[in-house]
Protein backbone atom coordinates (compact mmCIF):
# COMPACT_ATOMS: atom_id res chain seq x y z
CA MET A 1 -12.46 -8.62 -19.44
CA PRO A 2 -11.08 -5.09 -19.62
CA ILE A 3 -7.60 -4.36 -18.45
CA SER A 4 -7.64 -4.16 -14.71
CA GLU A 5 -4.92 -4.42 -12.17
CA CYS A 6 -5.84 -6.79 -9.36
CA GLU A 7 -3.12 -7.75 -6.93
CA GLY A 8 -0.45 -7.02 -9.57
CA VAL A 9 -2.11 -9.16 -12.24
CA ILE A 10 -3.10 -7.55 -15.53
CA ASP A 11 -5.76 -9.14 -17.74
CA MET A 12 -4.91 -8.75 -21.40
CA ALA A 13 -6.68 -9.65 -24.60
CA GLU A 14 -5.76 -13.12 -25.73
CA VAL A 15 -6.73 -14.99 -28.88
CA ARG A 16 -5.74 -18.58 -29.48
CA LEU A 17 -5.24 -19.80 -33.02
CA GLN A 18 -8.00 -22.31 -33.77
CA GLU A 19 -7.49 -25.52 -35.74
CA GLY A 20 -7.16 -24.67 -39.44
CA GLU A 21 -7.67 -20.91 -38.87
CA SER A 22 -5.60 -18.48 -40.88
CA LEU A 23 -3.38 -15.98 -39.12
CA GLU A 24 -5.33 -13.11 -40.76
CA ASN A 25 -8.60 -14.30 -39.19
CA ALA A 26 -6.99 -14.66 -35.77
CA LEU A 27 -5.50 -11.17 -36.08
CA ARG A 28 -8.92 -9.80 -37.04
CA ARG A 29 -10.48 -11.46 -33.95
CA PHE A 30 -7.69 -10.03 -31.78
CA LYS A 31 -8.22 -6.49 -33.10
CA ARG A 32 -11.97 -6.76 -32.50
CA LYS A 33 -11.39 -8.00 -28.95
CA VAL A 34 -8.96 -5.15 -28.22
CA GLN A 35 -11.55 -2.62 -29.47
CA GLN A 36 -14.36 -4.16 -27.43
CA GLU A 37 -12.29 -4.12 -24.25
CA ASP A 38 -11.20 -0.48 -24.75
CA ILE A 39 -7.58 -1.45 -24.19
CA ILE A 40 -6.20 1.29 -26.46
CA LYS A 41 -8.27 3.96 -24.70
CA GLU A 42 -7.07 2.72 -21.31
CA VAL A 43 -3.41 2.77 -22.40
CA LYS A 44 -3.73 6.31 -23.75
CA ARG A 45 -5.46 7.43 -20.54
CA HIS A 46 -2.59 6.10 -18.43
CA SER A 47 0.20 7.28 -20.71
CA TYR A 48 0.49 10.65 -18.94
CA TYR A 49 -0.71 12.24 -15.72
CA LEU A 50 -3.35 14.95 -15.65
CA LYS A 51 -3.85 17.08 -12.58
CA PRO A 52 -7.43 16.92 -11.26
CA GLY A 53 -8.17 20.46 -12.50
CA GLU A 54 -6.84 19.70 -15.98
CA LYS A 55 -8.81 16.47 -16.01
CA ALA A 56 -12.01 18.39 -15.22
CA ARG A 57 -11.29 20.93 -17.99
CA VAL A 58 -10.71 18.15 -20.53
CA LYS A 59 -13.92 16.42 -19.42
CA GLN A 60 -15.85 19.70 -19.72
CA ALA A 61 -14.40 20.38 -23.19
CA LEU A 62 -15.40 16.91 -24.39
CA ALA A 63 -18.93 17.39 -23.03
CA GLN A 64 -19.24 20.71 -24.88
CA LYS A 65 -17.94 19.11 -28.07
CA ARG A 66 -20.51 16.30 -27.79
CA ALA A 67 -23.28 18.83 -27.16
CA ARG A 68 -22.30 20.88 -30.25
CA LYS A 69 -22.17 17.72 -32.35
CA LYS A 70 -25.61 16.64 -31.08
CA ILE A 71 -27.10 20.06 -31.93
CA ARG A 72 -25.58 19.97 -35.44
CA LYS A 73 -26.92 16.46 -35.97
CA GLU A 74 -30.44 17.47 -34.82
CA GLN A 75 -30.45 20.55 -37.07
CA SER A 76 -29.48 18.59 -40.18
CA ALA A 77 -32.02 15.82 -39.56
């Protein structure tokens, strides 16, 4: 489950060490789980406040960047 705040409870990624599993493998599973649940992205998004207008400008800039990247990719293919 992704991080969500429900009645003050926060779901976080959890990995239990399995019988005979090395710490490296458990750490690898944990990192994969964190990536899949977009926890890092969520933390970065909540690390500072953006005014609604600034948020819209950032969203617009990202859309333009994706569009330019898509055009470049289509031209090279």
